[in-house]
Amino acid sequence: MVPHCGFELAAPKQLFRKFVETSGVVEIEQDRIVVRFDKLSHNTILREASLDQSSHKIPWLRNFPLDFRYL
């Protein structure tokens, strides 16, 4: 059984506002790309996705790892 996160019946506009329209900063370093989410972003749901647990290499960006960090 899949756990529910409370967005099963959410409207597209609400999903966009909570996840796509999240503010933060993208920094391109010598060996990686770092995405830092602002404090006011919807961190709890983003953290549940475990994006900050491991680096994800992006093949079309010279295999740079993509790191997600939460302020």
Protein backbone atom coordinates (compact mmCIF):
# COMPACT_ATOMS: atom_id res chain seq x y z
CA MET A 1 0.00 0.00 0.00
CA VAL A 2 1.31 3.43 -0.97
CA PRO A 3 1.26 6.06 1.81
CA HIS A 4 -0.74 9.20 1.10
CA CYS A 5 0.94 12.60 1.29
CA GLY A 6 -2.20 14.70 1.17
CA PHE A 7 -1.99 15.86 -2.45
CA GLU A 8 -3.94 13.12 -4.19
CA LEU A 9 -6.88 15.45 -4.86
CA ALA A 10 -4.89 18.68 -5.26
CA ALA A 11 -5.53 20.94 -8.22
CA PRO A 12 -2.71 21.46 -10.74
CA LYS A 13 -2.39 25.11 -9.68
CA GLN A 14 -1.81 24.08 -6.05
CA LEU A 15 0.77 21.45 -7.05
CA PHE A 16 2.61 23.97 -9.21
CA ARG A 17 2.66 26.52 -6.39
CA LYS A 18 3.93 23.98 -3.83
CA PHE A 19 6.57 22.21 -5.92
CA VAL A 20 7.50 23.97 -9.13
CA GLU A 21 7.29 27.56 -7.96
CA THR A 22 9.62 26.85 -5.02
CA SER A 23 12.24 29.53 -4.46
CA GLY A 24 15.93 28.92 -4.04
CA VAL A 25 19.33 29.33 -5.64
CA VAL A 26 21.19 27.23 -8.20
CA GLU A 27 24.97 27.38 -7.89
CA ILE A 28 27.29 25.89 -10.47
CA GLU A 29 30.58 24.89 -8.88
CA GLN A 30 33.67 23.40 -10.54
CA ASP A 31 32.57 19.82 -9.97
CA ARG A 32 28.87 19.90 -9.10
CA ILE A 33 25.57 21.75 -9.33
CA VAL A 34 23.98 22.71 -6.00
CA VAL A 35 20.30 23.62 -5.62
CA ARG A 36 19.58 25.38 -2.33
CA PHE A 37 15.92 25.69 -1.40
CA ASP A 38 14.78 28.66 0.68
CA LYS A 39 13.38 28.16 4.17
CA LEU A 40 9.89 29.05 3.03
CA SER A 41 9.80 26.46 0.28
CA HIS A 42 7.67 23.38 0.85
CA ASN A 43 10.61 21.48 2.36
CA THR A 44 8.69 18.74 4.15
CA ILE A 45 7.34 17.22 0.95
CA LEU A 46 10.59 17.79 -0.93
CA ARG A 47 12.51 16.08 1.90
CA GLU A 48 10.15 13.11 1.78
CA ALA A 49 11.31 12.62 -1.81
CA SER A 50 14.84 12.09 -0.35
CA LEU A 51 16.44 14.21 -3.05
CA ASP A 52 19.05 15.43 -0.57
CA GLN A 53 20.21 11.91 0.34
CA SER A 54 22.41 11.26 -2.68
CA SER A 55 23.88 13.08 -5.63
CA HIS A 56 22.23 12.53 -8.97
CA LYS A 57 24.62 12.76 -11.91
CA ILE A 58 23.30 14.52 -14.99
CA PRO A 59 24.75 12.95 -18.17
CA TRP A 60 24.11 15.97 -20.41
CA LEU A 61 25.88 18.27 -17.91
CA ARG A 62 29.28 16.52 -18.04
CA ASN A 63 28.04 14.04 -15.41
CA PHE A 64 28.13 16.69 -12.72
CA PRO A 65 26.33 15.57 -9.58
CA LEU A 66 23.17 17.49 -8.71
CA ASP A 67 22.92 18.16 -4.97
CA PHE A 68 19.74 19.40 -3.30
CA ARG A 69 20.17 21.26 0.00
CA TYR A 70 17.64 22.83 2.32
CA LEU A 71 18.33 26.02 4.28
